[in-house]
Amino acid sequence: MSKPSERGEASALRPVSSLEELAALEAESPALLVLYGGPACGVCQAIKPRIEAMLAESFPAMRGVYVDCQGEGQSVCAQRQVFSLPVIRLWFDGRPFDEFVRAFSLAALHRSIERPYHKGNQA
């Protein structure tokens, strides 16, 4: 996996507002974190920069995307059955791996990513 900086991308979570785009990213990304949130979700806004920092520091080859369930991404959230916020879904090699809903620690998220991420990044 190439690092985001090698591809000229920022470490910020990329906004996604269509189901087709999200499905393509899930299928093609070796490692993907999807944060479902919204501007009125205080927890979502608090964890978003911390997740971005975690990806940049610990998992630079993992793609991160953000779906605004209170804005342009409402239909995506409904179709993916996301009805409470925040929700984080992890994908590895085109398959769902783990999910975190409402109350969770960032340490638990980090631990969940660590093993499959490093396994996929071995030479």
C-alpha atoms as a PDB file:
ATOM      1  CA  MET A   1       0.000   0.000   0.000  1.00  0.00           C
ATOM      2  CA  SER A   2       1.301   3.419  -0.815  1.00  0.00           C
ATOM      3  CA  LYS A   3       1.193   6.133   1.771  1.00  0.00           C
ATOM      4  CA  PRO A   4      -1.300   8.990   1.297  1.00  0.00           C
ATOM      5  CA  SER A   5       1.535  11.518   1.191  1.00  0.00           C
ATOM      6  CA  GLU A   6       3.093   9.556  -1.679  1.00  0.00           C
ATOM      7  CA  ARG A   7      -0.152   9.910  -3.602  1.00  0.00           C
ATOM      8  CA  GLY A   8      -0.373  13.627  -2.826  1.00  0.00           C
ATOM      9  CA  GLU A   9      -3.463  13.200  -0.616  1.00  0.00           C
ATOM     10  CA  ALA A  10      -4.107  14.905   2.688  1.00  0.00           C
ATOM     11  CA  SER A  11      -4.681  12.834   5.796  1.00  0.00           C
ATOM     12  CA  ALA A  12      -8.151  14.361   6.215  1.00  0.00           C
ATOM     13  CA  LEU A  13     -11.161  12.097   5.891  1.00  0.00           C
ATOM     14  CA  ARG A  14     -12.452  12.457   2.346  1.00  0.00           C
ATOM     15  CA  PRO A  15     -16.161  13.311   2.093  1.00  0.00           C
ATOM     16  CA  VAL A  16     -18.343  10.778   0.266  1.00  0.00           C
ATOM     17  CA  SER A  17     -21.978  11.448  -0.591  1.00  0.00           C
ATOM     18  CA  SER A  18     -22.967   8.735  -3.067  1.00  0.00           C
ATOM     19  CA  LEU A  19     -23.571   5.050  -2.490  1.00  0.00           C
ATOM     20  CA  GLU A  20     -21.782   4.192  -5.747  1.00  0.00           C
ATOM     21  CA  GLU A  21     -18.610   6.011  -4.700  1.00  0.00           C
ATOM     22  CA  LEU A  22     -18.656   4.409  -1.248  1.00  0.00           C
ATOM     23  CA  ALA A  23     -19.228   0.920  -2.676  1.00  0.00           C
ATOM     24  CA  ALA A  24     -16.318   1.400  -5.103  1.00  0.00           C
ATOM     25  CA  LEU A  25     -13.999   2.494  -2.285  1.00  0.00           C
ATOM     26  CA  GLU A  26     -15.053  -0.455  -0.131  1.00  0.00           C
ATOM     27  CA  ALA A  27     -14.364  -2.876  -2.967  1.00  0.00           C
ATOM     28  CA  GLU A  28     -11.033  -1.445  -4.149  1.00  0.00           C
ATOM     29  CA  SER A  29      -9.337  -0.247  -0.948  1.00  0.00           C
ATOM     30  CA  PRO A  30      -6.956  -2.631   0.826  1.00  0.00           C
ATOM     31  CA  ALA A  31      -7.754  -0.786   4.078  1.00  0.00           C
ATOM     32  CA  LEU A  32     -10.678   1.623   4.557  1.00  0.00           C
ATOM     33  CA  LEU A  33     -12.190   3.443   7.525  1.00  0.00           C
ATOM     34  CA  VAL A  34     -15.668   4.920   7.036  1.00  0.00           C
ATOM     35  CA  LEU A  35     -16.886   7.458   9.603  1.00  0.00           C
ATOM     36  CA  TYR A  36     -20.627   8.132   9.496  1.00  0.00           C
ATOM     37  CA  GLY A  37     -21.330  11.382  11.318  1.00  0.00           C
ATOM     38  CA  GLY A  38     -22.918  14.795  11.112  1.00  0.00           C
ATOM     39  CA  PRO A  39     -22.359  18.424  12.047  1.00  0.00           C
ATOM     40  CA  ALA A  40     -24.961  18.297  14.852  1.00  0.00           C
ATOM     41  CA  CYS A  41     -23.263  15.237  16.401  1.00  0.00           C
ATOM     42  CA  GLY A  42     -20.870  16.631  19.000  1.00  0.00           C
ATOM     43  CA  VAL A  43     -19.090  13.302  19.490  1.00  0.00           C
ATOM     44  CA  CYS A  44     -18.606  12.978  15.709  1.00  0.00           C
ATOM     45  CA  GLN A  45     -17.014  16.403  15.522  1.00  0.00           C
ATOM     46  CA  ALA A  46     -14.790  15.668  18.530  1.00  0.00           C
ATOM     47  CA  ILE A  47     -13.455  12.335  17.239  1.00  0.00           C
ATOM     48  CA  LYS A  48     -13.051  13.250  13.565  1.00  0.00           C
ATOM     49  CA  PRO A  49      -9.741  15.163  13.971  1.00  0.00           C
ATOM     50  CA  ARG A  50      -8.451  12.499  16.364  1.00  0.00           C
ATOM     51  CA  ILE A  51      -9.234   9.756  13.837  1.00  0.00           C
ATOM     52  CA  GLU A  52      -7.522  11.771  11.101  1.00  0.00           C
ATOM     53  CA  ALA A  53      -4.440  12.111  13.320  1.00  0.00           C
ATOM     54  CA  MET A  54      -4.493   8.384  14.149  1.00  0.00           C
ATOM     55  CA  LEU A  55      -4.609   7.445  10.471  1.00  0.00           C
ATOM     56  CA  ALA A  56      -1.808   9.874   9.592  1.00  0.00           C
ATOM     57  CA  GLU A  57       0.447   8.746  12.444  1.00  0.00           C
ATOM     58  CA  SER A  58      -0.234   5.019  12.791  1.00  0.00           C
ATOM     59  CA  PHE A  59      -1.965   3.850   9.614  1.00  0.00           C
ATOM     60  CA  PRO A  60      -0.841   6.130   6.744  1.00  0.00           C
ATOM     61  CA  ALA A  61      -1.799   3.668   3.992  1.00  0.00           C
ATOM     62  CA  MET A  62      -5.376   3.334   5.244  1.00  0.00           C
ATOM     63  CA  ARG A  63      -7.954   5.387   3.385  1.00  0.00           C
ATOM     64  CA  GLY A  64     -10.419   7.350   5.466  1.00  0.00           C
ATOM     65  CA  VAL A  65     -13.780   8.673   4.313  1.00  0.00           C
ATOM     66  CA  TYR A  66     -16.563  10.649   5.972  1.00  0.00           C
ATOM     67  CA  VAL A  67     -20.280  10.339   5.230  1.00  0.00           C
ATOM     68  CA  ASP A  68     -22.412  13.279   6.460  1.00  0.00           C
ATOM     69  CA  CYS A  69     -25.618  11.586   7.591  1.00  0.00           C
ATOM     70  CA  GLN A  70     -27.219  14.943   8.377  1.00  0.00           C
ATOM     71  CA  GLY A  71     -26.434  16.453   4.972  1.00  0.00           C
ATOM     72  CA  GLU A  72     -25.587  15.205   1.483  1.00  0.00           C
ATOM     73  CA  GLY A  73     -24.997  11.645   2.657  1.00  0.00           C
ATOM     74  CA  GLN A  74     -28.437  11.057   4.224  1.00  0.00           C
ATOM     75  CA  SER A  75     -29.516   8.536   1.603  1.00  0.00           C
ATOM     76  CA  VAL A  76     -26.195   6.660   1.884  1.00  0.00           C
ATOM     77  CA  CYS A  77     -26.663   6.373   5.654  1.00  0.00           C
ATOM     78  CA  ALA A  78     -30.240   5.169   5.270  1.00  0.00           C
ATOM     79  CA  GLN A  79     -29.264   2.572   2.659  1.00  0.00           C
ATOM     80  CA  ARG A  80     -26.397   1.373   4.874  1.00  0.00           C
ATOM     81  CA  GLN A  81     -28.755   1.236   7.890  1.00  0.00           C
ATOM     82  CA  VAL A  82     -26.890   3.844   9.909  1.00  0.00           C
ATOM     83  CA  PHE A  83     -29.488   5.342  12.243  1.00  0.00           C
ATOM     84  CA  SER A  84     -27.374   6.525  15.201  1.00  0.00           C
ATOM     85  CA  LEU A  85     -24.131   8.486  15.232  1.00  0.00           C
ATOM     86  CA  PRO A  86     -21.214   8.110  15.210  1.00  0.00           C
ATOM     87  CA  VAL A  87     -20.620   4.846  13.397  1.00  0.00           C
ATOM     88  CA  ILE A  88     -17.234   3.648  12.186  1.00  0.00           C
ATOM     89  CA  ARG A  89     -16.938   0.718   9.809  1.00  0.00           C
ATOM     90  CA  LEU A  90     -13.614  -0.854   8.908  1.00  0.00           C
ATOM     91  CA  TRP A  91     -12.978  -2.678   5.621  1.00  0.00           C
ATOM     92  CA  PHE A  92      -9.960  -4.782   4.683  1.00  0.00           C
ATOM     93  CA  ASP A  93      -9.455  -6.254   1.223  1.00  0.00           C
ATOM     94  CA  GLY A  94     -13.008  -5.450   0.143  1.00  0.00           C
ATOM     95  CA  ARG A  95     -14.657  -7.124   3.133  1.00  0.00           C
ATOM     96  CA  PRO A  96     -16.279  -5.641   6.236  1.00  0.00           C
ATOM     97  CA  PHE A  97     -14.040  -6.229   9.245  1.00  0.00           C
ATOM     98  CA  ASP A  98     -15.347  -4.359  12.305  1.00  0.00           C
ATOM     99  CA  GLU A  99     -17.897  -1.771  13.395  1.00  0.00           C
ATOM    100  CA  PHE A 100     -18.026   0.757  16.228  1.00  0.00           C
ATOM    101  CA  VAL A 101     -21.336   2.389  17.166  1.00  0.00           C
ATOM    102  CA  ARG A 102     -22.075   5.350  19.459  1.00  0.00           C
ATOM    103  CA  ALA A 103     -19.950   4.641  22.558  1.00  0.00           C
ATOM    104  CA  PHE A 104     -16.429   3.339  21.937  1.00  0.00           C
ATOM    105  CA  SER A 105     -12.853   4.248  22.699  1.00  0.00           C
ATOM    106  CA  LEU A 106     -10.320   5.355  20.133  1.00  0.00           C
ATOM    107  CA  ALA A 107      -7.883   2.919  21.762  1.00  0.00           C
ATOM    108  CA  ALA A 108     -10.249   0.045  20.910  1.00  0.00           C
ATOM    109  CA  LEU A 109     -10.498   1.356  17.349  1.00  0.00           C
ATOM    110  CA  HIS A 110      -6.698   1.518  17.124  1.00  0.00           C
ATOM    111  CA  ARG A 111      -6.347  -2.078  18.393  1.00  0.00           C
ATOM    112  CA  SER A 112      -8.942  -3.296  15.900  1.00  0.00           C
ATOM    113  CA  ILE A 113      -7.079  -1.754  12.958  1.00  0.00           C
ATOM    114  CA  GLU A 114      -3.579  -2.728  14.060  1.00  0.00           C
ATOM    115  CA  ARG A 115      -3.420  -6.457  13.360  1.00  0.00           C
ATOM    116  CA  PRO A 116      -5.016  -6.657   9.888  1.00  0.00           C
ATOM    117  CA  TYR A 117      -3.312  -3.411   8.838  1.00  0.00           C
ATOM    118  CA  HIS A 118       0.181  -4.604   9.697  1.00  0.00           C
ATOM    119  CA  LYS A 119      -0.500  -8.073   8.306  1.00  0.00           C
ATOM    120  CA  GLY A 120      -1.432  -6.461   4.966  1.00  0.00           C
ATOM    121  CA  ASN A 121       1.654  -4.231   5.001  1.00  0.00           C
ATOM    122  CA  GLN A 122       4.252  -6.974   5.451  1.00  0.00           C
ATOM    123  CA  ALA A 123       6.755  -7.294   2.651  1.00  0.00           C
END
